[in-house]
Each structure stands twice: as C-alpha cells, then as structure tokens.
C-alpha cells in the first residue's frame, strides 16, 4: 500500500466549538496512542488562532477511504480535501 498525503481544511460556526473540540481531541488522542483504524495516519493538526478552523494533514491509501473515516467520525464541520504529491519532513 502506498500512502497518499491529504490536507483536510475544516471550518465551523463559533457556536459549534463546544461540539468540535471533543471530536478533534479524540482524534488526536487516538493518533497519539496508535488507535486510528489501519491505513490512516494523522501527521499533524493546526488550529487557527483567529478563526474557527483547522488544517489536518493525513496519510491514507485513498481519498475515498479518508472521506469515509471523516464521515464515520462526523465532525460538526464543513471541510475541503486536497491531495498532495509529497510531504517533506525535517529530521
């Protein structure tokens, strides 16, 4: 399996922040503990200081499978997804 890199940008209404934070916190905790479903790796999450939005970098075998994971978690957000060729990491 060759993992592909995706950036998922989430936005939500400020009034829904109390619903979004626990969902995001659980996903981060699952990633840190190695509890995400097989085939998915959460590389990083960036939360905006200025607006109710987040940018998540994922590795997944396909766009469809990542969309399925997001749908199963059902975060109260709107999102867009983009695929990227490479992710360069500093060592």
PDB file of N, CA and C in Angstrom:
ATOM      1  N   UNK A   1       0.851  -1.189   0.000  1.00  0.00           N
ATOM      2  CA  UNK A   1       0.000   0.000   0.000  1.00  0.00           C
ATOM      3  C   UNK A   1       0.886   1.239   0.000  1.00  0.00           C
ATOM      4  N   UNK A   2       0.584   2.148  -0.863  1.00  0.00           N
ATOM      5  CA  UNK A   2       1.311   3.406  -0.940  1.00  0.00           C
ATOM      6  C   UNK A   2       0.422   4.507  -0.372  1.00  0.00           C
ATOM      7  N   UNK A   3       0.852   5.087   0.741  1.00  0.00           N
ATOM      8  CA  UNK A   3       0.046   6.135   1.374  1.00  0.00           C
ATOM      9  C   UNK A   3       0.136   7.421   0.569  1.00  0.00           C
ATOM     10  N   UNK A   4      -0.980   8.075   0.448  1.00  0.00           N
ATOM     11  CA  UNK A   4      -1.057   9.374  -0.205  1.00  0.00           C
ATOM     12  C   UNK A   4      -1.241  10.423   0.884  1.00  0.00           C
ATOM     13  N   UNK A   5      -0.834  11.648   0.592  1.00  0.00           N
ATOM     14  CA  UNK A   5      -0.918  12.726   1.570  1.00  0.00           C
ATOM     15  C   UNK A   5      -2.076  13.657   1.226  1.00  0.00           C
ATOM     16  N   UNK A   6      -2.892  13.954   2.241  1.00  0.00           N
ATOM     17  CA  UNK A   6      -4.057  14.819   2.066  1.00  0.00           C
ATOM     18  C   UNK A   6      -4.048  15.919   3.114  1.00  0.00           C
ATOM     19  N   UNK A   7      -4.493  17.094   2.713  1.00  0.00           N
ATOM     20  CA  UNK A   7      -4.726  18.185   3.653  1.00  0.00           C
ATOM     21  C   UNK A   7      -6.228  18.409   3.693  1.00  0.00           C
ATOM     22  N   UNK A   8      -6.776  18.296   4.897  1.00  0.00           N
ATOM     23  CA  UNK A   8      -8.214  18.499   5.086  1.00  0.00           C
ATOM     24  C   UNK A   8      -8.388  19.779   5.892  1.00  0.00           C
ATOM     25  N   UNK A   9      -9.100  20.734   5.316  1.00  0.00           N
ATOM     26  CA  UNK A   9      -9.361  22.001   5.992  1.00  0.00           C
ATOM     27  C   UNK A   9     -10.798  21.989   6.502  1.00  0.00           C
ATOM     28  N   UNK A  10     -10.921  22.167   7.814  1.00  0.00           N
ATOM     29  CA  UNK A  10     -12.236  22.178   8.464  1.00  0.00           C
ATOM     30  C   UNK A  10     -12.577  23.596   8.901  1.00  0.00           C
ATOM     31  N   UNK A  11     -13.834  23.953   8.753  1.00  0.00           N
ATOM     32  CA  UNK A  11     -14.358  25.219   9.275  1.00  0.00           C
ATOM     33  C   UNK A  11     -15.666  24.918   9.974  1.00  0.00           C
ATOM     34  N   UNK A  12     -15.970  25.700  10.993  1.00  0.00           N
ATOM     35  CA  UNK A  12     -17.225  25.502  11.719  1.00  0.00           C
ATOM     36  C   UNK A  12     -17.706  26.824  12.275  1.00  0.00           C
ATOM     37  N   UNK A  13     -18.983  26.850  12.643  1.00  0.00           N
ATOM     38  CA  UNK A  13     -19.559  28.031  13.262  1.00  0.00           C
ATOM     39  C   UNK A  13     -19.045  28.111  14.701  1.00  0.00           C
ATOM     40  N   UNK A  14     -18.730  29.313  15.144  1.00  0.00           N
ATOM     41  CA  UNK A  14     -18.209  29.508  16.503  1.00  0.00           C
ATOM     42  C   UNK A  14     -19.132  28.852  17.528  1.00  0.00           C
ATOM     43  N   UNK A  15     -20.433  28.931  17.308  1.00  0.00           N
ATOM     44  CA  UNK A  15     -21.400  28.353  18.246  1.00  0.00           C
ATOM     45  C   UNK A  15     -21.251  26.835  18.382  1.00  0.00           C
ATOM     46  N   UNK A  16     -20.598  26.181  17.421  1.00  0.00           N
ATOM     47  CA  UNK A  16     -20.412  24.728  17.461  1.00  0.00           C
ATOM     48  C   UNK A  16     -19.065  24.324  18.048  1.00  0.00           C
ATOM     49  N   UNK A  17     -18.268  25.280  18.502  1.00  0.00           N
ATOM     50  CA  UNK A  17     -16.938  24.965  19.028  1.00  0.00           C
ATOM     51  C   UNK A  17     -16.980  23.950  20.163  1.00  0.00           C
ATOM     52  N   UNK A  18     -18.008  24.024  21.012  1.00  0.00           N
ATOM     53  CA  UNK A  18     -18.124  23.062  22.115  1.00  0.00           C
ATOM     54  C   UNK A  18     -18.342  21.640  21.609  1.00  0.00           C
ATOM     55  N   UNK A  19     -18.867  21.494  20.398  1.00  0.00           N
ATOM     56  CA  UNK A  19     -19.053  20.170  19.800  1.00  0.00           C
ATOM     57  C   UNK A  19     -17.800  19.720  19.046  1.00  0.00           C
ATOM     58  N   UNK A  20     -17.092  20.666  18.447  1.00  0.00           N
ATOM     59  CA  UNK A  20     -15.925  20.339  17.624  1.00  0.00           C
ATOM     60  C   UNK A  20     -14.732  19.919  18.485  1.00  0.00           C
ATOM     61  N   UNK A  21     -14.458  20.645  19.561  1.00  0.00           N
ATOM     62  CA  UNK A  21     -13.261  20.404  20.363  1.00  0.00           C
ATOM     63  C   UNK A  21     -13.158  18.957  20.862  1.00  0.00           C
ATOM     64  N   UNK A  22     -14.224  18.353  21.416  1.00  0.00           N
ATOM     65  CA  UNK A  22     -14.088  16.963  21.864  1.00  0.00           C
ATOM     66  C   UNK A  22     -13.807  15.980  20.721  1.00  0.00           C
ATOM     67  N   UNK A  23     -14.380  16.222  19.543  1.00  0.00           N
ATOM     68  CA  UNK A  23     -14.153  15.340  18.396  1.00  0.00           C
ATOM     69  C   UNK A  23     -12.691  15.425  17.968  1.00  0.00           C
ATOM     70  N   UNK A  24     -12.177  16.646  17.842  1.00  0.00           N
ATOM     71  CA  UNK A  24     -10.782  16.838  17.441  1.00  0.00           C
ATOM     72  C   UNK A  24      -9.842  16.259  18.499  1.00  0.00           C
ATOM     73  N   UNK A  25     -10.146  16.486  19.763  1.00  0.00           N
ATOM     74  CA  UNK A  25      -9.308  15.969  20.846  1.00  0.00           C
ATOM     75  C   UNK A  25      -9.240  14.445  20.815  1.00  0.00           C
ATOM     76  N   UNK A  26     -10.364  13.792  20.534  1.00  0.00           N
ATOM     77  CA  UNK A  26     -10.382  12.327  20.482  1.00  0.00           C
ATOM     78  C   UNK A  26      -9.566  11.814  19.305  1.00  0.00           C
ATOM     79  N   UNK A  27      -9.680  12.455  18.163  1.00  0.00           N
ATOM     80  CA  UNK A  27      -8.904  12.028  17.000  1.00  0.00           C
ATOM     81  C   UNK A  27      -7.407  12.173  17.279  1.00  0.00           C
ATOM     82  N   UNK A  28      -7.010  13.280  17.887  1.00  0.00           N
ATOM     83  CA  UNK A  28      -5.596  13.486  18.217  1.00  0.00           C
ATOM     84  C   UNK A  28      -5.138  12.429  19.221  1.00  0.00           C
ATOM     85  N   UNK A  29      -5.944  12.165  20.241  1.00  0.00           N
ATOM     86  CA  UNK A  29      -5.584  11.151  21.248  1.00  0.00           C
ATOM     87  C   UNK A  29      -5.475   9.771  20.600  1.00  0.00           C
ATOM     88  N   UNK A  30      -6.397   9.434  19.702  1.00  0.00           N
ATOM     89  CA  UNK A  30      -6.339   8.148  19.004  1.00  0.00           C
ATOM     90  C   UNK A  30      -5.072   8.050  18.154  1.00  0.00           C
ATOM     91  N   UNK A  31      -4.706   9.134  17.487  1.00  0.00           N
ATOM     92  CA  UNK A  31      -3.496   9.136  16.662  1.00  0.00           C
ATOM     93  C   UNK A  31      -2.252   8.954  17.534  1.00  0.00           C
ATOM     94  N   UNK A  32      -2.212   9.637  18.666  1.00  0.00           N
ATOM     95  CA  UNK A  32      -1.048   9.545  19.546  1.00  0.00           C
ATOM     96  C   UNK A  32      -0.916   8.173  20.190  1.00  0.00           C
ATOM     97  N   UNK A  33      -2.031   7.505  20.421  1.00  0.00           N
ATOM     98  CA  UNK A  33      -1.993   6.190  21.070  1.00  0.00           C
ATOM     99  C   UNK A  33      -1.928   5.042  20.059  1.00  0.00           C
ATOM    100  N   UNK A  34      -1.961   5.380  18.768  1.00  0.00           N
ATOM    101  CA  UNK A  34      -1.928   4.343  17.741  1.00  0.00           C
ATOM    102  C   UNK A  34      -3.256   3.633  17.557  1.00  0.00           C
ATOM    103  N   UNK A  35      -4.343   4.295  17.939  1.00  0.00           N
ATOM    104  CA  UNK A  35      -5.672   3.678  17.882  1.00  0.00           C
ATOM    105  C   UNK A  35      -6.490   4.030  16.648  1.00  0.00           C
ATOM    106  N   UNK A  36      -5.906   4.751  15.704  1.00  0.00           N
ATOM    107  CA  UNK A  36      -6.651   5.040  14.471  1.00  0.00           C
ATOM    108  C   UNK A  36      -6.814   3.743  13.683  1.00  0.00           C
ATOM    109  N   UNK A  37      -7.850   3.659  12.865  1.00  0.00           N
ATOM    110  CA  UNK A  37      -8.017   2.460  12.033  1.00  0.00           C
ATOM    111  C   UNK A  37      -6.788   2.247  11.139  1.00  0.00           C
ATOM    112  N   UNK A  38      -6.522   0.999  10.814  1.00  0.00           N
ATOM    113  CA  UNK A  38      -5.393   0.661   9.941  1.00  0.00           C
ATOM    114  C   UNK A  38      -5.503   1.417   8.629  1.00  0.00           C
ATOM    115  N   UNK A  39      -4.379   1.887   8.126  1.00  0.00           N
ATOM    116  CA  UNK A  39      -4.341   2.585   6.846  1.00  0.00           C
ATOM    117  C   UNK A  39      -4.434   4.089   6.947  1.00  0.00           C
ATOM    118  N   UNK A  40      -4.545   4.614   8.182  1.00  0.00           N
ATOM    119  CA  UNK A  40      -4.649   6.059   8.366  1.00  0.00           C
ATOM    120  C   UNK A  40      -3.574   6.551   9.322  1.00  0.00           C
ATOM    121  N   UNK A  41      -2.968   7.677   8.968  1.00  0.00           N
ATOM    122  CA  UNK A  41      -2.003   8.310   9.858  1.00  0.00           C
ATOM    123  C   UNK A  41      -2.291   9.811   9.880  1.00  0.00           C
ATOM    124  N   UNK A  42      -2.527  10.335  11.064  1.00  0.00           N
ATOM    125  CA  UNK A  42      -2.696  11.775  11.227  1.00  0.00           C
ATOM    126  C   UNK A  42      -1.305  12.353  11.455  1.00  0.00           C
ATOM    127  N   UNK A  43      -0.812  13.089  10.467  1.00  0.00           N
ATOM    128  CA  UNK A  43       0.545  13.629  10.519  1.00  0.00           C
ATOM    129  C   UNK A  43       0.598  14.864  11.402  1.00  0.00           C
ATOM    130  N   UNK A  44      -0.437  15.701  11.338  1.00  0.00           N
ATOM    131  CA  UNK A  44      -0.448  16.910  12.144  1.00  0.00           C
ATOM    132  C   UNK A  44      -1.763  17.645  12.058  1.00  0.00           C
ATOM    133  N   UNK A  45      -2.009  18.473  13.066  1.00  0.00           N
ATOM    134  CA  UNK A  45      -3.213  19.300  13.131  1.00  0.00           C
ATOM    135  C   UNK A  45      -2.783  20.712  13.497  1.00  0.00           C
ATOM    136  N   UNK A  46      -3.291  21.686  12.760  1.00  0.00           N
ATOM    137  CA  UNK A  46      -3.040  23.090  13.076  1.00  0.00           C
ATOM    138  C   UNK A  46      -4.386  23.765  13.298  1.00  0.00           C
ATOM    139  N   UNK A  47      -4.537  24.381  14.455  1.00  0.00           N
ATOM    140  CA  UNK A  47      -5.762  25.117  14.779  1.00  0.00           C
ATOM    141  C   UNK A  47      -5.494  26.605  14.629  1.00  0.00           C
ATOM    142  N   UNK A  48      -6.408  27.298  13.985  1.00  0.00           N
ATOM    143  CA  UNK A  48      -6.259  28.733  13.793  1.00  0.00           C
ATOM    144  C   UNK A  48      -6.536  29.483  15.087  1.00  0.00           C
ATOM    145  N   UNK A  49      -5.708  30.492  15.351  1.00  0.00           N
ATOM    146  CA  UNK A  49      -5.956  31.363  16.500  1.00  0.00           C
ATOM    147  C   UNK A  49      -7.038  32.390  16.195  1.00  0.00           C
ATOM    148  N   UNK A  50      -7.203  32.710  14.905  1.00  0.00           N
ATOM    149  CA  UNK A  50      -8.057  33.826  14.513  1.00  0.00           C
ATOM    150  C   UNK A  50      -9.454  33.447  14.051  1.00  0.00           C
ATOM    151  N   UNK A  51      -9.666  32.178  13.741  1.00  0.00           N
ATOM    152  CA  UNK A  51     -10.963  31.782  13.177  1.00  0.00           C
ATOM    153  C   UNK A  51     -11.262  30.346  13.585  1.00  0.00           C
ATOM    154  N   UNK A  52     -12.537  29.954  13.554  1.00  0.00           N
ATOM    155  CA  UNK A  52     -12.888  28.572  13.885  1.00  0.00           C
ATOM    156  C   UNK A  52     -12.583  27.639  12.711  1.00  0.00           C
ATOM    157  N   UNK A  53     -11.299  27.318  12.566  1.00  0.00           N
ATOM    158  CA  UNK A  53     -10.907  26.399  11.508  1.00  0.00           C
ATOM    159  C   UNK A  53      -9.648  25.640  11.895  1.00  0.00           C
ATOM    160  N   UNK A  54      -9.468  24.508  11.240  1.00  0.00           N
ATOM    161  CA  UNK A  54      -8.316  23.659  11.482  1.00  0.00           C
ATOM    162  C   UNK A  54      -7.838  23.082  10.158  1.00  0.00           C
ATOM    163  N   UNK A  55      -6.568  22.787  10.114  1.00  0.00           N
ATOM    164  CA  UNK A  55      -5.952  22.167   8.952  1.00  0.00           C
ATOM    165  C   UNK A  55      -5.310  20.866   9.433  1.00  0.00           C
ATOM    166  N   UNK A  56      -5.711  19.748   8.842  1.00  0.00           N
ATOM    167  CA  UNK A  56      -5.216  18.434   9.255  1.00  0.00           C
ATOM    168  C   UNK A  56      -4.473  17.796   8.092  1.00  0.00           C
ATOM    169  N   UNK A  57      -3.295  17.255   8.370  1.00  0.00           N
ATOM    170  CA  UNK A  57      -2.515  16.556   7.358  1.00  0.00           C
ATOM    171  C   UNK A  57      -2.623  15.061   7.652  1.00  0.00           C
ATOM    172  N   UNK A  58      -3.091  14.323   6.657  1.00  0.00           N
ATOM    173  CA  UNK A  58      -3.325  12.890   6.792  1.00  0.00           C
ATOM    174  C   UNK A  58      -2.543  12.117   5.749  1.00  0.00           C
ATOM    175  N   UNK A  59      -2.214  10.879   6.083  1.00  0.00           N
ATOM    176  CA  UNK A  59      -1.757   9.910   5.097  1.00  0.00           C
ATOM    177  C   UNK A  59      -2.806   8.805   5.073  1.00  0.00           C
ATOM    178  N   UNK A  60      -3.217   8.442   3.862  1.00  0.00           N
ATOM    179  CA  UNK A  60      -4.269   7.441   3.666  1.00  0.00           C
ATOM    180  C   UNK A  60      -4.044   6.774   2.324  1.00  0.00           C
ATOM    181  N   UNK A  61      -4.564   5.567   2.158  1.00  0.00           N
ATOM    182  CA  UNK A  61      -4.383   4.875   0.880  1.00  0.00           C
ATOM    183  C   UNK A  61      -5.203   5.506  -0.236  1.00  0.00           C
ATOM    184  N   UNK A  62      -6.307   6.183   0.122  1.00  0.00           N
ATOM    185  CA  UNK A  62      -7.119   6.819  -0.923  1.00  0.00           C
ATOM    186  C   UNK A  62      -7.967   7.951  -0.348  1.00  0.00           C
ATOM    187  N   UNK A  63      -8.363   8.823  -1.231  1.00  0.00           N
ATOM    188  CA  UNK A  63      -9.258   9.921  -0.863  1.00  0.00           C
ATOM    189  C   UNK A  63     -10.590   9.377  -0.349  1.00  0.00           C
ATOM    190  N   UNK A  64     -11.106   8.372  -1.032  1.00  0.00           N
ATOM    191  CA  UNK A  64     -12.395   7.795  -0.656  1.00  0.00           C
ATOM    192  C   UNK A  64     -12.370   7.198   0.743  1.00  0.00           C
ATOM    193  N   UNK A  65     -11.285   6.496   1.076  1.00  0.00           N
ATOM    194  CA  UNK A  65     -11.228   5.903   2.412  1.00  0.00           C
ATOM    195  C   UNK A  65     -11.117   6.982   3.486  1.00  0.00           C
ATOM    196  N   UNK A  66     -10.391   8.056   3.201  1.00  0.00           N
ATOM    197  CA  UNK A  66     -10.293   9.156   4.170  1.00  0.00           C
ATOM    198  C   UNK A  66     -11.634   9.863   4.308  1.00  0.00           C
ATOM    199  N   UNK A  67     -12.336  10.061   3.203  1.00  0.00           N
ATOM    200  CA  UNK A  67     -13.681  10.651   3.275  1.00  0.00           C
ATOM    201  C   UNK A  67     -14.593   9.766   4.129  1.00  0.00           C
ATOM    202  N   UNK A  68     -14.444   8.440   3.976  1.00  0.00           N
ATOM    203  CA  UNK A  68     -15.235   7.516   4.782  1.00  0.00           C
ATOM    204  C   UNK A  68     -14.925   7.625   6.262  1.00  0.00           C
ATOM    205  N   UNK A  69     -13.638   7.775   6.602  1.00  0.00           N
ATOM    206  CA  UNK A  69     -13.256   7.935   8.004  1.00  0.00           C
ATOM    207  C   UNK A  69     -13.852   9.216   8.578  1.00  0.00           C
ATOM    208  N   UNK A  70     -13.754  10.294   7.833  1.00  0.00           N
ATOM    209  CA  UNK A  70     -14.302  11.578   8.301  1.00  0.00           C
ATOM    210  C   UNK A  70     -15.812  11.465   8.484  1.00  0.00           C
ATOM    211  N   UNK A  71     -16.488  10.817   7.544  1.00  0.00           N
ATOM    212  CA  UNK A  71     -17.943  10.639   7.656  1.00  0.00           C
ATOM    213  C   UNK A  71     -18.300   9.804   8.886  1.00  0.00           C
ATOM    214  N   UNK A  72     -17.485   8.803   9.208  1.00  0.00           N
ATOM    215  CA  UNK A  72     -17.782   7.956  10.369  1.00  0.00           C
ATOM    216  C   UNK A  72     -17.588   8.704  11.685  1.00  0.00           C
ATOM    217  N   UNK A  73     -16.647   9.637  11.706  1.00  0.00           N
ATOM    218  CA  UNK A  73     -16.418  10.453  12.907  1.00  0.00           C
ATOM    219  C   UNK A  73     -17.483  11.537  13.009  1.00  0.00           C
ATOM    220  N   UNK A  74     -17.925  12.010  11.841  1.00  0.00           N
ATOM    221  CA  UNK A  74     -18.990  13.005  11.731  1.00  0.00           C
ATOM    222  C   UNK A  74     -18.729  14.286  12.529  1.00  0.00           C
ATOM    223  N   UNK A  75     -17.588  14.938  12.259  1.00  0.00           N
ATOM    224  CA  UNK A  75     -17.350  16.197  12.977  1.00  0.00           C
ATOM    225  C   UNK A  75     -18.347  17.259  12.522  1.00  0.00           C
ATOM    226  N   UNK A  76     -18.779  18.136  13.432  1.00  0.00           N
ATOM    227  CA  UNK A  76     -19.731  19.187  13.056  1.00  0.00           C
ATOM    228  C   UNK A  76     -19.028  20.339  12.336  1.00  0.00           C
ATOM    229  N   UNK A  77     -18.404  19.995  11.205  1.00  0.00           N
ATOM    230  CA  UNK A  77     -17.643  20.980  10.430  1.00  0.00           C
ATOM    231  C   UNK A  77     -17.987  20.848   8.955  1.00  0.00           C
ATOM    232  N   UNK A  78     -17.576  21.858   8.205  1.00  0.00           N
ATOM    233  CA  UNK A  78     -17.558  21.783   6.749  1.00  0.00           C
ATOM    234  C   UNK A  78     -16.088  21.548   6.398  1.00  0.00           C
ATOM    235  N   UNK A  79     -15.824  20.746   5.375  1.00  0.00           N
ATOM    236  CA  UNK A  79     -14.420  20.520   5.064  1.00  0.00           C
ATOM    237  C   UNK A  79     -14.165  20.432   3.562  1.00  0.00           C
ATOM    238  N   UNK A  80     -12.924  20.707   3.216  1.00  0.00           N
ATOM    239  CA  UNK A  80     -12.428  20.506   1.859  1.00  0.00           C
ATOM    240  C   UNK A  80     -11.190  19.625   1.977  1.00  0.00           C
ATOM    241  N   UNK A  81     -10.905  18.884   0.923  1.00  0.00           N
ATOM    242  CA  UNK A  81      -9.764  17.978   0.947  1.00  0.00           C
ATOM    243  C   UNK A  81      -8.948  18.160  -0.320  1.00  0.00           C
ATOM    244  N   UNK A  82      -7.632  18.197  -0.156  1.00  0.00           N
ATOM    245  CA  UNK A  82      -6.720  18.292  -1.294  1.00  0.00           C
ATOM    246  C   UNK A  82      -5.650  17.224  -1.164  1.00  0.00           C
ATOM    247  N   UNK A  83      -5.289  16.621  -2.282  1.00  0.00           N
ATOM    248  CA  UNK A  83      -4.213  15.631  -2.284  1.00  0.00           C
ATOM    249  C   UNK A  83      -2.920  16.312  -2.707  1.00  0.00           C
ATOM    250  N   UNK A  84      -1.826  15.921  -2.067  1.00  0.00           N
ATOM    251  CA  UNK A  84      -0.518  16.481  -2.371  1.00  0.00           C
ATOM    252  C   UNK A  84       0.440  15.363  -2.771  1.00  0.00           C
ATOM    253  N   UNK A  85       1.434  15.717  -3.587  1.00  0.00           N
ATOM    254  CA  UNK A  85       2.392  14.728  -4.073  1.00  0.00           C
ATOM    255  C   UNK A  85       3.343  14.246  -2.993  1.00  0.00           C
ATOM    256  N   UNK A  86       3.834  15.153  -2.177  1.00  0.00           N
ATOM    257  CA  UNK A  86       4.853  14.797  -1.208  1.00  0.00           C
ATOM    258  C   UNK A  86       4.705  15.613   0.057  1.00  0.00           C
ATOM    259  N   UNK A  87       5.209  15.020   1.116  1.00  0.00           N
ATOM    260  CA  UNK A  87       5.318  15.730   2.385  1.00  0.00           C
ATOM    261  C   UNK A  87       6.763  15.616   2.813  1.00  0.00           C
ATOM    262  N   UNK A  88       7.458  16.729   2.879  1.00  0.00           N
ATOM    263  CA  UNK A  88       8.852  16.726   3.309  1.00  0.00           C
ATOM    264  C   UNK A  88       8.899  16.979   4.802  1.00  0.00           C
ATOM    265  N   UNK A  89       9.566  16.102   5.489  1.00  0.00           N
ATOM    266  CA  UNK A  89       9.680  16.232   6.940  1.00  0.00           C
ATOM    267  C   UNK A  89      11.112  16.621   7.291  1.00  0.00           C
ATOM    268  N   UNK A  90      11.251  17.449   8.308  1.00  0.00           N
ATOM    269  CA  UNK A  90      12.598  17.719   8.810  1.00  0.00           C
ATOM    270  C   UNK A  90      12.961  16.574   9.740  1.00  0.00           C
ATOM    271  N   UNK A  91      14.215  16.227   9.792  1.00  0.00           N
ATOM    272  CA  UNK A  91      14.608  15.079  10.617  1.00  0.00           C
ATOM    273  C   UNK A  91      15.072  15.462  11.972  1.00  0.00           C
TER     274      UNK A  91
END
